[in-house]
Amino acid sequence: MMKQVTIGLFIAAFLICTGCAGKYPCREASELDKNWGKSFKSIKENQVLNPDAGRNLEPVTGMDGESAEVVVDQYHESFKGASAGPDHQEYRLDLGTTSTVTQN
């Protein structure tokens, strides 16, 4: 019984010590660790056309709602039946094959 308690305490102490040790306690931060996420943030910031757009409080001018709705409806209608039309173009990307096809 005493042996089991001693082994149990040893295992508990070991788990507590390893849990507090951290991920890599003997390793310094690498260049990858120091720059982690900077590439993503840079690409995200470069996609913003006008970073100060939120400060512009002037109303947006342009098409009225009815005209915009007509344009959007025409745009959606242009896709109906487009695959059956004579001007339909199909693009195919062939990356190559390693086998040959034989026809009988």
N, C-alpha and C. Protein backbone atom coordinates (compact mmCIF):
# COMPACT_ATOMS: atom_id res chain seq x y z
N MET A 1 0.82 -1.19 0.00
CA MET A 1 0.00 0.00 0.00
C MET A 1 0.87 1.26 0.00
N MET A 2 1.90 1.27 0.83
CA MET A 2 2.80 2.42 0.93
C MET A 2 3.56 2.63 -0.37
N LYS A 3 3.87 1.53 -1.04
CA LYS A 3 4.60 1.62 -2.30
C LYS A 3 3.72 2.26 -3.37
N GLN A 4 2.44 1.95 -3.39
CA GLN A 4 1.53 2.52 -4.37
C GLN A 4 1.34 4.02 -4.14
N VAL A 5 1.28 4.43 -2.89
CA VAL A 5 1.12 5.85 -2.56
C VAL A 5 2.37 6.60 -2.98
N THR A 6 3.54 6.02 -2.75
CA THR A 6 4.80 6.67 -3.13
C THR A 6 4.89 6.81 -4.64
N ILE A 7 4.52 5.79 -5.37
CA ILE A 7 4.55 5.84 -6.84
C ILE A 7 3.53 6.88 -7.33
N GLY A 8 2.37 6.92 -6.73
CA GLY A 8 1.33 7.89 -7.11
C GLY A 8 1.80 9.32 -6.88
N LEU A 9 2.45 9.57 -5.74
CA LEU A 9 2.97 10.91 -5.45
C LEU A 9 4.09 11.29 -6.43
N PHE A 10 4.93 10.34 -6.76
CA PHE A 10 6.01 10.58 -7.71
C PHE A 10 5.44 10.96 -9.08
N ILE A 11 4.44 10.21 -9.53
CA ILE A 11 3.82 10.49 -10.83
C ILE A 11 3.13 11.86 -10.80
N ALA A 12 2.43 12.18 -9.72
CA ALA A 12 1.76 13.48 -9.62
C ALA A 12 2.78 14.62 -9.64
N ALA A 13 3.89 14.47 -8.91
CA ALA A 13 4.93 15.51 -8.89
C ALA A 13 5.54 15.66 -10.29
N PHE A 14 5.75 14.55 -10.96
CA PHE A 14 6.32 14.59 -12.31
C PHE A 14 5.39 15.33 -13.27
N LEU A 15 4.10 15.04 -13.21
CA LEU A 15 3.14 15.70 -14.10
C LEU A 15 3.02 17.19 -13.80
N ILE A 16 3.06 17.55 -12.55
CA ILE A 16 2.99 18.97 -12.19
C ILE A 16 4.23 19.71 -12.69
N CYS A 17 5.39 19.12 -12.51
CA CYS A 17 6.63 19.77 -12.97
C CYS A 17 6.69 19.89 -14.49
N THR A 18 6.27 18.87 -15.20
CA THR A 18 6.31 18.95 -16.66
C THR A 18 5.23 19.88 -17.19
N GLY A 19 4.12 20.00 -16.50
CA GLY A 19 3.06 20.90 -16.93
C GLY A 19 3.47 22.36 -16.80
N CYS A 20 4.30 22.68 -15.85
CA CYS A 20 4.74 24.06 -15.64
C CYS A 20 6.00 24.40 -16.42
N ALA A 21 6.59 23.44 -17.10
CA ALA A 21 7.87 23.65 -17.75
C ALA A 21 7.75 24.50 -19.02
N GLY A 22 6.61 24.52 -19.66
CA GLY A 22 6.45 25.28 -20.91
C GLY A 22 6.67 24.38 -22.10
N LYS A 23 6.52 24.98 -23.27
CA LYS A 23 6.62 24.19 -24.50
C LYS A 23 8.04 23.74 -24.77
N TYR A 24 8.97 24.69 -24.87
CA TYR A 24 10.37 24.37 -25.10
C TYR A 24 11.19 25.21 -24.13
N PRO A 25 11.41 24.73 -22.94
CA PRO A 25 12.04 25.58 -21.93
C PRO A 25 13.51 25.91 -22.21
N CYS A 26 14.20 25.11 -22.98
CA CYS A 26 15.64 25.32 -23.20
C CYS A 26 15.92 26.00 -24.54
N ARG A 27 14.91 26.41 -25.26
CA ARG A 27 15.10 26.94 -26.60
C ARG A 27 14.77 28.42 -26.64
N GLU A 28 15.60 29.20 -27.32
CA GLU A 28 15.31 30.61 -27.51
C GLU A 28 14.35 30.77 -28.69
N ALA A 29 13.71 31.91 -28.77
CA ALA A 29 12.78 32.17 -29.86
C ALA A 29 13.54 32.28 -31.18
N SER A 30 13.07 31.56 -32.18
CA SER A 30 13.70 31.60 -33.49
C SER A 30 13.16 32.79 -34.29
N GLU A 31 13.73 33.02 -35.46
CA GLU A 31 13.25 34.09 -36.32
C GLU A 31 11.80 33.85 -36.74
N LEU A 32 11.44 32.58 -36.94
CA LEU A 32 10.07 32.26 -37.29
C LEU A 32 9.13 32.62 -36.15
N ASP A 33 9.51 32.31 -34.93
CA ASP A 33 8.68 32.65 -33.78
C ASP A 33 8.54 34.17 -33.61
N LYS A 34 9.61 34.90 -33.85
CA LYS A 34 9.57 36.35 -33.69
C LYS A 34 8.69 37.02 -34.73
N ASN A 35 8.63 36.46 -35.94
CA ASN A 35 7.89 37.06 -37.05
C ASN A 35 6.59 36.34 -37.37
N TRP A 36 6.10 35.52 -36.47
CA TRP A 36 4.91 34.72 -36.73
C TRP A 36 3.70 35.63 -36.95
N GLY A 37 3.04 35.51 -38.08
CA GLY A 37 1.84 36.26 -38.39
C GLY A 37 2.07 37.58 -39.08
N LYS A 38 3.30 38.03 -39.20
CA LYS A 38 3.56 39.32 -39.84
C LYS A 38 3.25 39.29 -41.32
N SER A 39 3.48 38.17 -41.98
CA SER A 39 3.19 38.05 -43.40
C SER A 39 1.69 38.18 -43.65
N PHE A 40 0.89 37.51 -42.83
CA PHE A 40 -0.56 37.58 -42.97
C PHE A 40 -1.06 39.01 -42.75
N LYS A 41 -0.55 39.66 -41.71
CA LYS A 41 -0.97 41.03 -41.43
C LYS A 41 -0.56 41.97 -42.56
N SER A 42 0.62 41.77 -43.12
CA SER A 42 1.10 42.61 -44.21
C SER A 42 0.22 42.45 -45.45
N ILE A 43 -0.10 41.23 -45.81
CA ILE A 43 -0.94 40.98 -46.98
C ILE A 43 -2.33 41.56 -46.77
N LYS A 44 -2.86 41.40 -45.57
CA LYS A 44 -4.19 41.92 -45.26
C LYS A 44 -4.21 43.45 -45.37
N GLU A 45 -3.19 44.10 -44.86
CA GLU A 45 -3.13 45.56 -44.92
C GLU A 45 -2.93 46.05 -46.35
N ASN A 46 -2.22 45.30 -47.17
CA ASN A 46 -1.98 45.70 -48.56
C ASN A 46 -3.23 45.57 -49.43
N GLN A 47 -4.22 44.82 -48.99
CA GLN A 47 -5.45 44.66 -49.76
C GLN A 47 -6.43 45.80 -49.54
N VAL A 48 -6.18 46.64 -48.57
CA VAL A 48 -7.06 47.76 -48.28
C VAL A 48 -6.70 48.90 -49.23
N LEU A 49 -7.68 49.32 -50.05
CA LEU A 49 -7.42 50.36 -51.03
C LEU A 49 -7.26 51.73 -50.37
N ASN A 50 -8.17 52.03 -49.45
CA ASN A 50 -8.13 53.32 -48.78
C ASN A 50 -8.27 53.10 -47.28
N PRO A 51 -7.18 53.11 -46.53
CA PRO A 51 -7.28 52.85 -45.10
C PRO A 51 -8.06 53.90 -44.33
N ASP A 52 -8.19 55.11 -44.88
CA ASP A 52 -8.91 56.19 -44.19
C ASP A 52 -10.37 56.29 -44.64
N ALA A 53 -10.89 55.29 -45.30
CA ALA A 53 -12.26 55.36 -45.83
C ALA A 53 -13.29 55.47 -44.70
N GLY A 54 -13.03 54.92 -43.57
CA GLY A 54 -13.98 54.99 -42.47
C GLY A 54 -14.13 56.38 -41.88
N ARG A 55 -13.19 57.24 -42.14
CA ARG A 55 -13.25 58.61 -41.61
C ARG A 55 -14.09 59.54 -42.49
N ASN A 56 -14.39 59.13 -43.71
CA ASN A 56 -15.19 59.94 -44.63
C ASN A 56 -16.66 59.74 -44.28
N LEU A 57 -17.31 60.79 -43.80
CA LEU A 57 -18.70 60.70 -43.37
C LEU A 57 -19.68 61.27 -44.40
N GLU A 58 -19.20 61.63 -45.58
CA GLU A 58 -20.08 62.16 -46.62
C GLU A 58 -20.93 61.03 -47.19
N PRO A 59 -22.18 61.34 -47.60
CA PRO A 59 -23.03 60.29 -48.17
C PRO A 59 -22.49 59.81 -49.52
N VAL A 60 -22.76 58.58 -49.82
CA VAL A 60 -22.32 57.99 -51.08
C VAL A 60 -23.25 58.46 -52.19
N THR A 61 -22.68 58.91 -53.28
CA THR A 61 -23.49 59.34 -54.42
C THR A 61 -23.27 58.38 -55.57
N GLY A 62 -24.26 58.25 -56.40
CA GLY A 62 -24.15 57.34 -57.54
C GLY A 62 -25.54 56.99 -58.03
N MET A 63 -25.76 55.74 -58.39
CA MET A 63 -27.05 55.30 -58.90
C MET A 63 -28.09 55.31 -57.79
N ASP A 64 -29.33 55.58 -58.22
CA ASP A 64 -30.42 55.45 -57.25
C ASP A 64 -30.78 53.97 -57.12
N GLY A 65 -31.57 53.63 -56.16
CA GLY A 65 -31.88 52.23 -55.86
C GLY A 65 -32.58 51.50 -56.97
N GLU A 66 -33.54 52.17 -57.65
CA GLU A 66 -34.29 51.50 -58.72
C GLU A 66 -33.39 51.16 -59.90
N SER A 67 -32.53 52.09 -60.29
CA SER A 67 -31.61 51.83 -61.41
C SER A 67 -30.64 50.72 -61.06
N ALA A 68 -30.15 50.73 -59.86
CA ALA A 68 -29.20 49.69 -59.44
C ALA A 68 -29.87 48.33 -59.43
N GLU A 69 -31.14 48.28 -59.03
CA GLU A 69 -31.86 47.00 -59.01
C GLU A 69 -32.03 46.45 -60.42
N VAL A 70 -32.33 47.33 -61.39
CA VAL A 70 -32.48 46.91 -62.78
C VAL A 70 -31.15 46.35 -63.31
N VAL A 71 -30.06 47.02 -63.00
CA VAL A 71 -28.75 46.56 -63.46
C VAL A 71 -28.42 45.20 -62.86
N VAL A 72 -28.69 45.02 -61.58
CA VAL A 72 -28.41 43.73 -60.93
C VAL A 72 -29.28 42.64 -61.53
N ASP A 73 -30.56 42.94 -61.79
CA ASP A 73 -31.43 41.94 -62.39
C ASP A 73 -30.94 41.54 -63.78
N GLN A 74 -30.51 42.51 -64.58
CA GLN A 74 -29.97 42.21 -65.91
C GLN A 74 -28.70 41.35 -65.80
N TYR A 75 -27.92 41.65 -64.81
CA TYR A 75 -26.70 40.87 -64.60
C TYR A 75 -27.03 39.41 -64.28
N HIS A 76 -28.01 39.21 -63.40
CA HIS A 76 -28.40 37.83 -63.06
C HIS A 76 -29.05 37.12 -64.24
N GLU A 77 -29.83 37.84 -65.03
CA GLU A 77 -30.48 37.24 -66.19
C GLU A 77 -29.46 36.83 -67.25
N SER A 78 -28.32 37.52 -67.30
CA SER A 78 -27.33 37.20 -68.31
C SER A 78 -26.72 35.81 -68.11
N PHE A 79 -26.85 35.24 -66.92
CA PHE A 79 -26.29 33.92 -66.66
C PHE A 79 -27.26 32.80 -66.98
N LYS A 80 -28.53 33.11 -67.14
CA LYS A 80 -29.52 32.07 -67.43
C LYS A 80 -29.38 31.64 -68.88
N GLY A 81 -29.19 30.38 -69.12
CA GLY A 81 -29.07 29.84 -70.46
C GLY A 81 -27.74 30.13 -71.13
N ALA A 82 -26.79 30.64 -70.41
CA ALA A 82 -25.50 30.97 -71.02
C ALA A 82 -24.74 29.71 -71.43
N SER A 83 -24.94 28.62 -70.72
CA SER A 83 -24.19 27.41 -71.05
C SER A 83 -24.70 26.76 -72.34
N ALA A 84 -25.95 27.05 -72.74
CA ALA A 84 -26.50 26.45 -73.96
C ALA A 84 -26.31 27.33 -75.18
N GLY A 85 -25.87 28.55 -74.99
CA GLY A 85 -25.74 29.48 -76.10
C GLY A 85 -24.57 29.17 -77.01
N PRO A 86 -24.57 29.73 -78.25
CA PRO A 86 -23.49 29.45 -79.20
C PRO A 86 -22.17 30.13 -78.81
N ASP A 87 -22.26 31.19 -78.03
CA ASP A 87 -21.04 31.90 -77.64
C ASP A 87 -20.42 31.33 -76.38
N HIS A 88 -20.96 30.24 -75.92
CA HIS A 88 -20.46 29.63 -74.69
C HIS A 88 -19.04 29.10 -74.90
N GLN A 89 -18.15 29.50 -74.04
CA GLN A 89 -16.77 29.03 -74.11
C GLN A 89 -16.49 28.19 -72.87
N GLU A 90 -15.79 27.11 -73.09
CA GLU A 90 -15.43 26.24 -71.98
C GLU A 90 -13.91 26.22 -71.88
N TYR A 91 -13.43 26.46 -70.71
CA TYR A 91 -11.99 26.46 -70.47
C TYR A 91 -11.61 25.19 -69.74
N ARG A 92 -10.52 24.61 -70.17
CA ARG A 92 -10.06 23.37 -69.56
C ARG A 92 -8.59 23.51 -69.23
N LEU A 93 -8.24 23.17 -68.02
CA LEU A 93 -6.86 23.22 -67.58
C LEU A 93 -6.34 21.80 -67.51
N ASP A 94 -5.39 21.48 -68.36
CA ASP A 94 -4.83 20.13 -68.40
C ASP A 94 -3.44 20.19 -67.79
N LEU A 95 -3.26 19.47 -66.71
CA LEU A 95 -1.97 19.47 -66.02
C LEU A 95 -1.09 18.31 -66.46
N GLY A 96 -1.54 17.57 -67.45
CA GLY A 96 -0.73 16.46 -67.94
C GLY A 96 -1.11 15.16 -67.27
N THR A 97 -0.78 14.07 -67.94
CA THR A 97 -1.08 12.76 -67.39
C THR A 97 0.15 11.88 -67.52
N THR A 98 0.12 10.81 -66.76
CA THR A 98 1.24 9.88 -66.81
C THR A 98 0.84 8.58 -67.49
N SER A 99 -0.42 8.45 -67.87
CA SER A 99 -0.86 7.22 -68.51
C SER A 99 -1.38 7.54 -69.90
N THR A 100 -1.48 6.52 -70.73
CA THR A 100 -1.98 6.70 -72.09
C THR A 100 -3.36 6.08 -72.20
N VAL A 101 -4.17 6.64 -73.04
CA VAL A 101 -5.51 6.14 -73.27
C VAL A 101 -5.54 5.45 -74.62
N THR A 102 -5.99 4.23 -74.66
CA THR A 102 -6.09 3.50 -75.93
C THR A 102 -7.54 3.36 -76.29
N GLN A 103 -7.83 3.55 -77.57
CA GLN A 103 -9.20 3.39 -78.05
C GLN A 103 -9.25 2.19 -78.97
N ASN A 104 -10.31 1.43 -78.86
CA ASN A 104 -10.48 0.24 -79.70
C ASN A 104 -11.28 0.55 -80.92
